[in-house]
Protein backbone atom coordinates (compact mmCIF):
# COMPACT_ATOMS: atom_id res chain seq x y z
CA UNK A 1 12.15 48.32 -14.53
CA UNK A 2 12.00 45.22 -17.27
CA UNK A 3 11.22 41.91 -16.48
CA UNK A 4 11.07 38.79 -17.55
CA UNK A 5 8.61 36.31 -16.91
CA UNK A 6 8.71 32.51 -17.05
CA UNK A 7 5.47 30.96 -17.52
CA UNK A 8 5.79 27.01 -17.09
CA UNK A 9 3.74 24.27 -18.73
CA UNK A 10 1.20 24.06 -16.34
CA UNK A 11 0.58 27.53 -15.88
CA UNK A 12 -1.48 28.71 -18.56
CA UNK A 13 -3.87 31.20 -16.78
CA UNK A 14 -4.03 34.83 -18.01
CA UNK A 15 -4.82 35.29 -13.86
CA UNK A 16 -1.54 33.59 -13.05
CA UNK A 17 0.58 36.04 -10.31
CA UNK A 18 3.54 36.36 -12.56
CA UNK A 19 1.56 37.72 -15.21
CA UNK A 20 -0.93 40.37 -13.47
CA UNK A 21 1.59 43.09 -13.17
CA UNK A 22 3.10 42.65 -16.60
CA UNK A 23 4.03 46.07 -18.34
CA UNK A 24 3.85 45.14 -21.70
CA UNK A 25 6.16 47.90 -23.16
CA UNK A 26 9.40 46.69 -20.65
CA UNK A 27 8.28 42.87 -20.16
CA UNK A 28 8.95 39.78 -21.76
CA UNK A 29 6.95 36.72 -21.03
CA UNK A 30 9.74 33.11 -21.78
CA UNK A 31 7.58 30.04 -22.43
CA UNK A 32 10.12 27.07 -23.36
CA UNK A 33 9.29 23.29 -25.20
CA UNK A 34 12.42 21.57 -23.11
CA UNK A 35 13.10 17.71 -23.35
CA UNK A 36 14.02 17.96 -19.82
CA UNK A 37 10.63 18.02 -18.88
CA UNK A 38 8.72 15.90 -21.69
CA UNK A 39 10.96 13.06 -20.92
CA UNK A 40 12.13 12.81 -16.87
CA UNK A 41 9.65 10.01 -16.95
CA UNK A 42 8.72 8.47 -20.91
CA UNK A 43 5.44 10.70 -20.87
CA UNK A 44 2.29 9.61 -22.68
CA UNK A 45 2.62 11.05 -26.54
CA UNK A 46 -0.56 12.67 -26.10
CA UNK A 47 0.12 14.27 -22.80
CA UNK A 48 3.46 15.90 -24.69
CA UNK A 49 1.41 17.31 -27.23
CA UNK A 50 -1.55 18.60 -24.89
CA UNK A 51 0.68 20.87 -23.26
CA UNK A 52 3.12 21.61 -26.18
CA UNK A 53 -0.47 22.42 -28.00
CA UNK A 54 -1.92 24.56 -25.09
CA UNK A 55 1.29 26.42 -24.45
CA UNK A 56 1.48 27.51 -28.28
CA UNK A 57 -2.18 28.71 -28.18
CA UNK A 58 -1.47 30.50 -24.62
CA UNK A 59 1.48 32.07 -26.56
CA UNK A 60 -1.01 33.20 -29.23
CA UNK A 61 -3.45 34.37 -26.81
CA UNK A 62 -0.43 36.94 -24.79
CA UNK A 63 0.95 38.14 -28.07
CA UNK A 64 -2.89 39.16 -29.47
CA UNK A 65 -2.83 41.64 -26.36
CA UNK A 66 0.32 42.72 -27.59
CA UNK A 67 2.73 41.03 -24.88
CA UNK A 68 6.03 40.02 -26.33
CA UNK A 69 6.66 36.39 -25.97
CA UNK A 70 10.15 34.70 -26.17
CA UNK A 71 8.83 31.37 -26.97
CA UNK A 72 11.52 28.53 -27.54
CA UNK A 73 9.97 25.77 -29.63
CA UNK A 74 11.55 21.75 -29.20
CA UNK A 75 12.87 21.99 -32.45
CA UNK A 76 14.87 25.13 -32.15
CA UNK A 77 18.37 23.90 -32.76
CA UNK A 78 19.17 26.36 -30.36
CA UNK A 79 16.98 24.62 -27.76
CA UNK A 80 19.09 23.78 -24.58
CA UNK A 81 16.20 21.63 -23.42
CA UNK A 82 16.60 22.51 -19.84
CA UNK A 83 14.31 25.45 -17.97
CA UNK A 84 17.20 26.49 -16.92
CA UNK A 85 19.41 26.77 -20.05
CA UNK A 86 17.02 28.05 -21.56
CA UNK A 87 16.56 30.90 -19.01
CA UNK A 88 20.09 31.64 -19.16
CA UNK A 89 19.95 32.24 -22.59
CA UNK A 90 16.70 34.52 -22.43
CA UNK A 91 18.55 36.58 -20.03
CA UNK A 92 21.27 36.94 -22.24
CA UNK A 93 18.67 38.05 -24.95
CA UNK A 94 17.21 40.63 -22.91
CA UNK A 95 18.98 42.01 -20.47
CA UNK A 96 15.99 42.26 -17.88
CA UNK A 97 16.44 43.65 -14.53
CA UNK A 98 15.01 41.28 -12.66
CA UNK A 99 13.18 37.52 -13.36
CA UNK A 100 9.49 37.01 -12.21
CA UNK A 101 7.98 33.68 -11.78
CA UNK A 102 5.24 31.66 -10.09
CA UNK A 103 5.91 28.99 -7.84
CA UNK A 104 6.46 25.58 -9.65
CA UNK A 105 4.11 22.68 -8.77
CA UNK A 106 6.40 19.91 -8.39
CA UNK A 107 8.92 19.73 -5.60
CA UNK A 108 11.65 19.14 -8.06
CA UNK A 109 10.87 22.07 -10.10
CA UNK A 110 10.55 24.35 -6.99
CA UNK A 111 13.78 23.33 -5.44
CA UNK A 112 15.56 24.06 -8.72
CA UNK A 113 13.89 27.92 -8.52
CA UNK A 114 16.19 28.01 -5.39
CA UNK A 115 18.89 26.86 -6.97
CA UNK A 116 18.56 29.52 -9.90
CA UNK A 117 18.33 32.10 -7.47
CA UNK A 118 21.91 31.16 -6.18
CA UNK A 119 23.13 30.91 -9.75
CA UNK A 120 21.72 33.47 -11.73
CA UNK A 121 23.28 36.98 -11.73
CA UNK A 122 19.46 38.35 -11.78
CA UNK A 123 17.01 39.31 -9.05
CA UNK A 124 14.52 36.77 -9.32
CA UNK A 125 10.92 37.07 -8.02
CA UNK A 126 8.71 33.69 -7.04
CA UNK A 127 5.44 34.86 -6.46
CA UNK A 128 2.55 32.32 -5.04
CA UNK A 129 0.25 30.26 -7.13
CA UNK A 130 -2.94 31.62 -5.80
CA UNK A 131 -5.27 29.38 -8.55
CA UNK A 132 -5.76 27.13 -5.55
CA UNK A 133 -8.12 27.64 -2.76
CA UNK A 134 -5.60 27.51 0.06
CA UNK A 135 -1.74 27.76 -0.13
CA UNK A 136 0.41 25.24 1.47
CA UNK A 137 1.56 27.03 4.42
CA UNK A 138 -2.89 27.54 5.39
CA UNK A 139 -3.13 23.73 5.09
CA UNK A 140 0.31 23.46 7.26
CA UNK A 141 -1.73 25.81 9.36
CA UNK A 142 -4.99 23.77 9.19
CA UNK A 143 -2.75 20.41 9.95
CA UNK A 144 -0.91 21.27 13.00
CA UNK A 145 -1.77 19.59 15.89
CA UNK A 146 -3.89 16.79 14.41
CA UNK A 147 -2.86 13.29 15.00
CA UNK A 148 -5.19 12.56 11.52
CA UNK A 149 -5.34 14.68 8.44
CA UNK A 150 -8.97 13.23 7.10
CA UNK A 151 -9.78 14.72 4.01
CA UNK A 152 -13.59 14.87 5.32
CA UNK A 153 -12.69 17.02 8.79
CA UNK A 154 -10.66 19.43 5.68
CA UNK A 155 -13.49 19.07 3.29
CA UNK A 156 -15.70 20.89 5.83
CA UNK A 157 -13.67 23.15 6.68
CA UNK A 158 -13.13 24.07 3.13
CA UNK A 159 -16.80 24.42 2.70
CA UNK A 160 -17.35 26.23 5.35
CA UNK A 161 -14.68 28.52 4.58
CA UNK A 162 -15.85 28.98 1.05
CA UNK A 163 -19.26 29.28 1.60
CA UNK A 164 -19.83 26.86 -1.09
CA UNK A 165 -22.82 24.32 -1.42
CA UNK A 166 -23.34 25.87 1.80
CA UNK A 167 -27.02 28.10 3.19
CA UNK A 168 -25.05 30.38 5.92
CA UNK A 169 -23.78 28.12 8.34
CA UNK A 170 -25.80 24.44 7.47
CA UNK A 171 -24.80 22.58 4.10
CA UNK A 172 -27.01 22.45 1.77
CA UNK A 173 -29.50 19.45 2.19
CA UNK A 174 -28.19 19.22 5.92
CA UNK A 175 -25.17 17.13 5.18
CA UNK A 176 -21.50 17.52 3.59
CA UNK A 177 -21.09 14.41 2.27
CA UNK A 178 -23.61 12.02 -0.34
CA UNK A 179 -21.28 9.86 -1.07
CA UNK A 180 -23.42 6.47 -0.09
CA UNK A 181 -25.41 7.51 -3.12
CA UNK A 182 -22.96 7.96 -5.19
CA UNK A 183 -21.57 3.88 -5.46
CA UNK A 184 -24.06 2.88 -8.27
CA UNK A 185 -23.22 -0.08 -11.15
CA UNK A 186 -24.20 1.24 -14.56
CA UNK A 187 -27.36 -0.17 -15.50
CA UNK A 188 -27.32 -2.27 -18.65
CA UNK A 189 -28.69 -0.24 -21.62
CA UNK A 190 -28.12 3.06 -20.17
CA UNK A 191 -27.68 5.95 -23.07
CA UNK A 192 -24.16 7.53 -22.29
CA UNK A 193 -23.80 11.19 -23.59
CA UNK A 194 -21.66 12.03 -26.78
CA UNK A 195 -18.73 13.55 -25.17
CA UNK A 196 -17.43 16.79 -26.65
CA UNK A 197 -13.88 16.37 -28.10
CA UNK A 198 -12.04 18.84 -30.34
CA UNK A 199 -10.52 17.92 -33.62
CA UNK A 200 -7.22 19.15 -33.68
CA UNK A 201 -6.45 22.78 -35.82
CA UNK A 202 -3.30 23.59 -37.64
CA UNK A 203 -0.88 24.21 -33.94
CA UNK A 204 -2.13 20.84 -32.43
CA UNK A 205 -1.46 18.99 -36.05
CA UNK A 206 1.99 20.49 -36.13
CA UNK A 207 2.46 19.61 -32.64
CA UNK A 208 1.12 15.86 -32.81
CA UNK A 209 3.33 15.55 -36.18
CA UNK A 210 7.19 16.83 -33.82
CA UNK A 211 5.72 14.84 -30.70
CA UNK A 212 4.98 11.50 -33.40
CA UNK A 213 8.55 12.46 -35.05
CA UNK A 214 10.37 13.19 -31.62
CA UNK A 215 8.88 10.86 -29.07
CA UNK A 216 8.05 7.44 -30.82
CA UNK A 217 9.49 5.22 -27.99
CA UNK A 218 6.93 6.59 -25.60
CA UNK A 219 4.06 4.84 -24.45
CA UNK A 220 0.64 5.90 -26.24
CA UNK A 221 -1.35 7.08 -29.44
CA UNK A 222 -1.70 10.32 -30.93
CA UNK A 223 -5.02 9.11 -33.20
CA UNK A 224 -8.51 10.69 -32.14
CA UNK A 225 -6.70 13.26 -30.08
CA UNK A 226 -9.64 16.04 -28.93
CA UNK A 227 -8.07 17.37 -25.24
CA UNK A 228 -8.93 21.17 -25.10
CA UNK A 229 -5.83 23.22 -25.57
CA UNK A 230 -7.24 26.80 -24.67
CA UNK A 231 -9.71 28.36 -22.86
CA UNK A 232 -12.28 28.72 -25.06
CA UNK A 233 -12.50 25.18 -25.75
CA UNK A 234 -12.19 24.32 -21.74
CA UNK A 235 -14.87 26.63 -21.06
CA UNK A 236 -16.90 24.69 -24.08
CA UNK A 237 -15.98 21.54 -22.44
CA UNK A 238 -17.26 22.75 -19.15
CA UNK A 239 -20.71 23.62 -20.25
CA UNK A 240 -20.96 20.60 -21.98
CA UNK A 241 -20.15 18.37 -18.56
CA UNK A 242 -22.37 20.43 -16.64
CA UNK A 243 -25.25 20.32 -18.79
CA UNK A 244 -25.04 16.53 -20.50
CA UNK A 245 -23.09 14.76 -17.87
CA UNK A 246 -23.05 16.81 -14.16
CA UNK A 247 -26.70 15.18 -13.69
CA UNK A 248 -25.63 11.59 -14.40
CA UNK A 249 -22.34 11.64 -12.90
CA UNK A 250 -22.88 11.39 -9.00
CA UNK A 251 -24.80 8.17 -9.20
CA UNK A 252 -22.49 6.58 -11.61
CA UNK A 253 -19.11 7.91 -10.80
CA UNK A 254 -17.56 4.34 -9.16
CA UNK A 255 -18.85 2.56 -12.18
CA UNK A 256 -16.81 0.81 -15.43
CA UNK A 257 -17.77 -0.35 -18.33
CA UNK A 258 -16.35 -1.90 -21.23
CA UNK A 259 -15.64 0.26 -23.99
CA UNK A 260 -16.61 2.98 -22.22
CA UNK A 261 -13.99 5.56 -20.84
CA UNK A 262 -15.78 8.62 -20.40
CA UNK A 263 -18.90 7.42 -18.98
CA UNK A 264 -20.70 10.85 -17.36
CA UNK A 265 -16.92 11.73 -15.70
CA UNK A 266 -16.14 15.43 -16.54
CA UNK A 267 -12.70 15.08 -18.49
CA UNK A 268 -11.86 18.13 -17.24
CA UNK A 269 -8.75 17.59 -14.87
CA UNK A 270 -6.16 18.07 -18.15
CA UNK A 271 -7.88 21.37 -18.77
CA UNK A 272 -7.55 22.57 -14.89
CA UNK A 273 -3.99 21.39 -14.29
CA UNK A 274 -2.79 23.28 -17.28
CA UNK A 275 -3.99 26.47 -15.88
CA UNK A 276 -6.83 26.78 -18.46
CA UNK A 277 -9.66 26.27 -16.12
CA UNK A 278 -9.77 27.40 -12.21
CA UNK A 279 -11.03 25.24 -9.36
CA UNK A 280 -13.32 27.98 -8.44
CA UNK A 281 -15.19 28.10 -12.00
CA UNK A 282 -15.89 24.86 -12.21
CA UNK A 283 -17.05 24.85 -8.32
CA UNK A 284 -19.29 27.98 -9.45
CA UNK A 285 -20.62 26.10 -12.42
CA UNK A 286 -21.67 22.91 -10.75
CA UNK A 287 -23.01 24.83 -7.50
CA UNK A 288 -24.91 27.11 -10.39
CA UNK A 289 -26.32 23.92 -12.09
CA UNK A 290 -27.59 22.89 -8.24
CA UNK A 291 -29.31 25.93 -7.69
CA UNK A 292 -31.24 26.02 -11.03
CA UNK A 293 -32.40 22.50 -11.07
CA UNK A 294 -30.62 21.20 -13.16
CA UNK A 295 -28.46 18.39 -11.34
CA UNK A 296 -29.28 17.12 -8.18
CA UNK A 297 -27.13 17.56 -5.39
CA UNK A 298 -25.47 14.66 -4.89
CA UNK A 299 -23.70 14.64 -8.69
CA UNK A 300 -23.26 18.46 -7.16
CA UNK A 301 -21.90 17.45 -4.18
CA UNK A 302 -19.58 14.35 -5.63
CA UNK A 303 -18.23 16.82 -7.81
CA UNK A 304 -17.21 19.44 -5.57
CA UNK A 305 -15.68 17.28 -3.31
CA UNK A 306 -13.56 15.73 -5.63
CA UNK A 307 -12.23 19.87 -6.72
CA UNK A 308 -12.51 22.07 -3.37
CA UNK A 309 -12.22 18.68 -0.98
CA UNK A 310 -9.65 16.17 -2.37
CA UNK A 311 -7.39 17.92 -5.25
CA UNK A 312 -6.90 20.97 -2.25
CA UNK A 313 -6.20 18.04 0.05
CA UNK A 314 -3.52 15.73 -1.71
CA UNK A 315 -1.65 19.48 -2.48
CA UNK A 316 -1.64 20.19 0.87
CA UNK A 317 -0.50 16.68 2.19
CA UNK A 318 2.30 16.66 -0.85
CA UNK A 319 3.99 20.03 0.10
CA UNK A 320 3.23 19.46 3.87
CA UNK A 321 5.27 15.97 3.60
CA UNK A 322 7.54 15.83 0.59
CA UNK A 323 10.44 15.22 0.14
CA UNK A 324 10.47 12.05 2.56
CA UNK A 325 7.15 11.76 1.46
CA UNK A 326 7.99 9.88 -1.62
CA UNK A 327 10.55 7.69 -0.47
CA UNK A 328 8.24 5.65 2.12
CA UNK A 329 7.29 1.90 1.47
CA UNK A 330 5.16 1.36 4.29
CA UNK A 331 4.26 -2.23 3.22
CA UNK A 332 7.58 -3.46 2.12
CA UNK A 333 6.52 -3.45 -1.85
CA UNK A 334 9.41 -4.34 -3.80
CA UNK A 335 8.11 -6.45 -7.14
CA UNK A 336 8.80 -5.11 -10.11
CA UNK A 337 6.15 -3.25 -12.59
CA UNK A 338 4.56 -6.04 -14.78
CA UNK A 339 5.10 -5.60 -18.43
CA UNK A 340 1.54 -5.56 -18.88
CA UNK A 341 1.11 -2.15 -17.49
CA UNK A 342 2.45 -0.81 -20.99
CA UNK A 343 1.32 -3.34 -23.53
CA UNK A 344 -1.72 -4.36 -21.76
CA UNK A 345 -0.90 -8.16 -22.60
CA UNK A 346 -3.07 -10.25 -19.79
CA UNK A 347 -5.87 -12.46 -19.69
CA UNK A 348 -7.51 -10.22 -16.92
CA UNK A 349 -10.40 -8.11 -18.89
CA UNK A 350 -10.44 -5.56 -16.22
CA UNK A 351 -7.16 -4.66 -16.53
CA UNK A 352 -6.39 -5.17 -20.27
CA UNK A 353 -9.35 -2.72 -20.67
CA UNK A 354 -8.13 0.27 -18.12
CA UNK A 355 -4.63 -0.07 -20.31
CA UNK A 356 -5.98 0.07 -23.00
CA UNK A 357 -8.28 3.32 -22.47
CA UNK A 358 -5.00 4.66 -21.01
CA UNK A 359 -2.90 3.99 -24.22
CA UNK A 360 -6.32 5.44 -26.59
CA UNK A 361 -6.66 8.66 -24.44
CA UNK A 362 -4.18 8.81 -21.55
CA UNK A 363 -6.99 9.36 -19.53
CA UNK A 364 -8.79 6.44 -17.27
CA UNK A 365 -11.46 7.48 -14.59
CA UNK A 366 -10.21 7.31 -11.05
CA UNK A 367 -12.18 4.67 -10.24
CA UNK A 368 -9.84 2.21 -12.92
CA UNK A 369 -7.14 3.88 -11.27
CA UNK A 370 -7.74 3.44 -7.70
CA UNK A 371 -9.63 -0.50 -8.12
CA UNK A 372 -7.59 -1.93 -10.99
CA UNK A 373 -4.15 -0.55 -11.72
CA UNK A 374 -3.64 0.74 -8.17
CA UNK A 375 -5.60 -2.30 -6.15
CA UNK A 376 -3.51 -5.09 -8.22
CA UNK A 377 -0.41 -2.91 -7.64
CA UNK A 378 -1.09 -2.96 -3.95
CA UNK A 379 -2.09 -6.89 -3.92
CA UNK A 380 0.79 -7.49 -5.84
CA UNK A 381 3.25 -5.74 -3.94
CA UNK A 382 4.91 -3.32 -6.72
CA UNK A 383 7.08 -1.02 -5.82
CA UNK A 384 5.66 2.08 -4.88
CA UNK A 385 8.45 4.01 -7.17
CA UNK A 386 7.67 2.27 -10.53
CA UNK A 387 3.84 2.57 -9.93
CA UNK A 388 4.34 5.99 -9.23
CA UNK A 389 6.38 7.00 -12.59
CA UNK A 390 4.00 4.75 -14.65
CA UNK A 391 0.83 6.99 -13.03
CA UNK A 392 2.70 10.48 -13.62
CA UNK A 393 4.05 9.20 -17.81
CA UNK A 394 0.71 7.75 -18.68
CA UNK A 395 -2.00 10.06 -17.77
CA UNK A 396 -2.71 13.21 -19.06
CA UNK A 397 -3.49 15.39 -15.73
CA UNK A 398 -0.93 14.03 -14.33
CA UNK A 399 1.87 15.85 -12.28
CA UNK A 400 3.72 15.25 -8.97
CA UNK A 401 2.04 17.21 -6.86
CA UNK A 402 -1.40 15.32 -7.21
CA UNK A 403 -0.39 12.13 -8.77
CA UNK A 404 1.62 11.14 -5.72
CA UNK A 405 -0.42 11.21 -3.23
CA UNK A 406 -3.00 9.43 -4.78
CA UNK A 407 -0.76 6.66 -6.19
CA UNK A 408 1.38 6.56 -3.10
CA UNK A 409 -0.97 7.14 -0.46
CA UNK A 410 -4.44 6.49 -1.77
CA UNK A 411 -3.39 3.14 -4.12
CA UNK A 412 -0.43 1.61 -2.31
CA UNK A 413 -1.05 2.79 1.19
CA UNK A 414 2.68 3.23 0.90
CA UNK A 415 2.39 6.08 3.67
CA UNK A 416 1.19 3.92 6.19
CA UNK A 417 -1.83 5.45 6.38
CA UNK A 418 -1.57 9.87 6.43
CA UNK A 419 -3.50 9.82 3.46
CA UNK A 420 -6.03 6.89 3.63
CA UNK A 421 -7.57 5.25 6.66
CA UNK A 422 -6.98 1.89 5.17
CA UNK A 423 -5.38 0.32 1.87
CA UNK A 424 -8.19 0.00 -0.77
CA UNK A 425 -8.08 -3.61 -1.29
CA UNK A 426 -10.41 -5.50 -3.12
CA UNK A 427 -11.22 -8.69 -4.17
CA UNK A 428 -12.92 -9.39 -7.68
CA UNK A 429 -16.34 -9.29 -6.14
CA UNK A 430 -15.84 -5.49 -5.92
CA UNK A 431 -14.86 -5.43 -10.12
CA UNK A 432 -18.49 -7.69 -10.68
CA UNK A 433 -20.00 -5.42 -8.63
CA UNK A 434 -18.91 -1.96 -9.94
CA UNK A 435 -18.68 -3.25 -13.86
CA UNK A 436 -19.41 -5.45 -16.66
CA UNK A 437 -15.55 -6.85 -16.90
CA UNK A 438 -16.03 -10.12 -15.69
CA UNK A 439 -18.48 -11.26 -18.36
CA UNK A 440 -16.20 -11.07 -20.85
CA UNK A 441 -13.11 -12.35 -18.79
CA UNK A 442 -11.41 -15.82 -19.42
CA UNK A 443 -11.16 -15.86 -15.34
CA UNK A 444 -14.33 -17.03 -13.19
CA UNK A 445 -14.97 -14.14 -10.94
CA UNK A 446 -16.96 -16.39 -8.43
CA UNK A 447 -13.61 -18.77 -8.18
CA UNK A 448 -11.61 -18.68 -5.16
CA UNK A 449 -8.50 -21.22 -6.22
CA UNK A 450 -7.61 -22.83 -9.40
CA UNK A 451 -5.76 -21.80 -12.70
CA UNK A 452 -9.27 -20.47 -14.16
CA UNK A 453 -9.75 -17.85 -10.97
CA UNK A 454 -9.53 -14.60 -10.73
CA UNK A 455 -6.27 -13.57 -9.79
CA UNK A 456 -7.68 -10.41 -7.73
CA UNK A 457 -9.43 -13.23 -5.69
CA UNK A 458 -6.53 -14.92 -4.24
CA UNK A 459 -4.19 -11.93 -3.98
CA UNK A 460 -6.49 -10.20 -1.86
CA UNK A 461 -6.40 -12.86 0.53
CA UNK A 462 -2.81 -13.43 0.14
CA UNK A 463 -2.22 -9.76 0.51
CA UNK A 464 -3.90 -9.66 3.85
CA UNK A 465 -2.30 -12.82 5.27
CA UNK A 466 1.14 -11.32 4.42
CA UNK A 467 0.85 -8.10 6.16
CA UNK A 468 -1.15 -9.04 9.02
CA UNK A 469 1.90 -7.79 11.24
CA UNK A 470 0.79 -3.92 9.80
CA UNK A 471 -2.59 -4.30 8.86
CA UNK A 472 -4.53 -6.71 11.66
CA UNK A 473 -5.38 -3.87 13.94
CA UNK A 474 -6.66 -1.63 11.88
CA UNK A 475 -10.36 -1.43 12.79
CA UNK A 476 -11.76 -1.15 8.65
CA UNK A 477 -10.15 -4.84 8.01
CA UNK A 478 -11.49 -6.09 11.25
CA UNK A 479 -14.15 -8.15 9.59
CA UNK A 480 -11.65 -9.69 6.88
CA UNK A 481 -9.44 -10.39 9.45
CA UNK A 482 -12.08 -12.01 11.14
CA UNK A 483 -12.89 -14.43 8.22
CA UNK A 484 -8.93 -15.48 8.26
CA UNK A 485 -8.61 -16.04 11.79
CA UNK A 486 -10.99 -19.03 11.09
CA UNK A 487 -9.03 -20.34 8.34
CA UNK A 488 -6.29 -23.13 8.86
CA UNK A 489 -2.84 -22.95 8.16
CA UNK A 490 -3.13 -24.67 5.08
CA UNK A 491 -6.00 -23.13 3.46
CA UNK A 492 -3.46 -19.99 3.80
CA UNK A 493 -0.59 -21.29 2.57
CA UNK A 494 -2.73 -22.36 -0.33
CA UNK A 495 -3.68 -18.54 -1.23
CA UNK A 496 -0.17 -17.74 -0.34
CA UNK A 497 1.27 -20.39 -3.42
CA UNK A 498 -1.35 -19.27 -5.76
CA UNK A 499 -0.86 -15.74 -5.20
CA UNK A 500 3.27 -16.70 -5.75
CA UNK A 501 2.86 -18.56 -8.61
CA UNK A 502 0.75 -15.76 -10.39
CA UNK A 503 2.75 -13.20 -9.60
CA UNK A 504 6.02 -15.27 -10.64
CA UNK A 505 4.20 -15.50 -14.09
CA UNK A 506 3.92 -12.26 -14.47
CA UNK A 507 7.39 -10.44 -13.07
């Protein structure tokens, strides 16, 4: 029985379920670069180049095994520029007995696949994606009957289930979570590791030229592209992180610094979310570093929690709550996205720095996303869909299953507390404590009101005042609301007026 096996751009794993039973004599793998997937949001140029280059390299890897690959390039004159269209054309070319594919990671594609089953005159088998630790059905079983879906409870269950960082029934170090030890600002003069980057080879240079021609109006720069595009490169990047950055990653994972976009972060999420690396091998490599005395437990646990805990958790929430999840707007946010998210033209140095990192690398680390661009969007009341589309467009590691819960639930609190126990709102004091941005800023982070005051200061209090009916009973915000209880009406009005004046000026 001959099979046509579809491999999507974020399924570049040789262990993919759709490839596990492949018969090189009878089967054909279909891969297609289509405009529909590159433009449903205006993806960063580096993100498009990364996906297309990695796809082309993966196709060559399969061909080296003797597997037939029907690869449709973006500039193929017969390209229909939709996955459904390329499926139909491939069926006419190869006349397979059946279609085989691994379930899609995003809701919109999963819905499309179900429609394909009804529309395409060929049997279709959709296989589970087993590259994660658990399946959505298993997460749903864990969530059933729980009033609160808290990460820490889920994470402890995953540690017990997998045995990772466990000594039998006991977590290494006697604790599951060392986060309290991983919140240090970067000391002045800290020497940062020279990060491993990968100069574009012939295939990547061809893709970069193609993207430069076809997506000229998209956000971002192509200069300096250095992401791993093959499994071998991704493995090299993993080794580099474990040896050169993991030992310091934990302590400074929340830190931010001027002209230092990478610090000690892994930079592995683009390769991981493409399928060039697996979650299991990342966790195994970090655990081995601890067991061999190469990295301290707080650093290793913090890294593993991001993968075994957070990554699996947000995927579970996504599939459990979609499609209604994306439509919620618990705080009634409605302002448009400010232009500086695209052009970086703002006097707020911290935000200018974050947008610059994003423009240059299709990357900024999780604290910049949560506590700078996300925090501003939360305090400003920017409409969730606009913020989510921006995050999905500009980051090389962004796919909706991981981006939407992070943005909608964690950064914006638009889900009303499904994901986070409180809004991650902060004034300029947090940014000053965790970065050196404030020393380079035209605003005064110590001033609460006035033309030169850091906007985060009055935006923070104005946000709490505006949303008191929704948030004042949240126990994690009790201290802030006790402070507000001592303010006069005139004092509150001063903060509301300052916030409105500023936001009206950036709209």
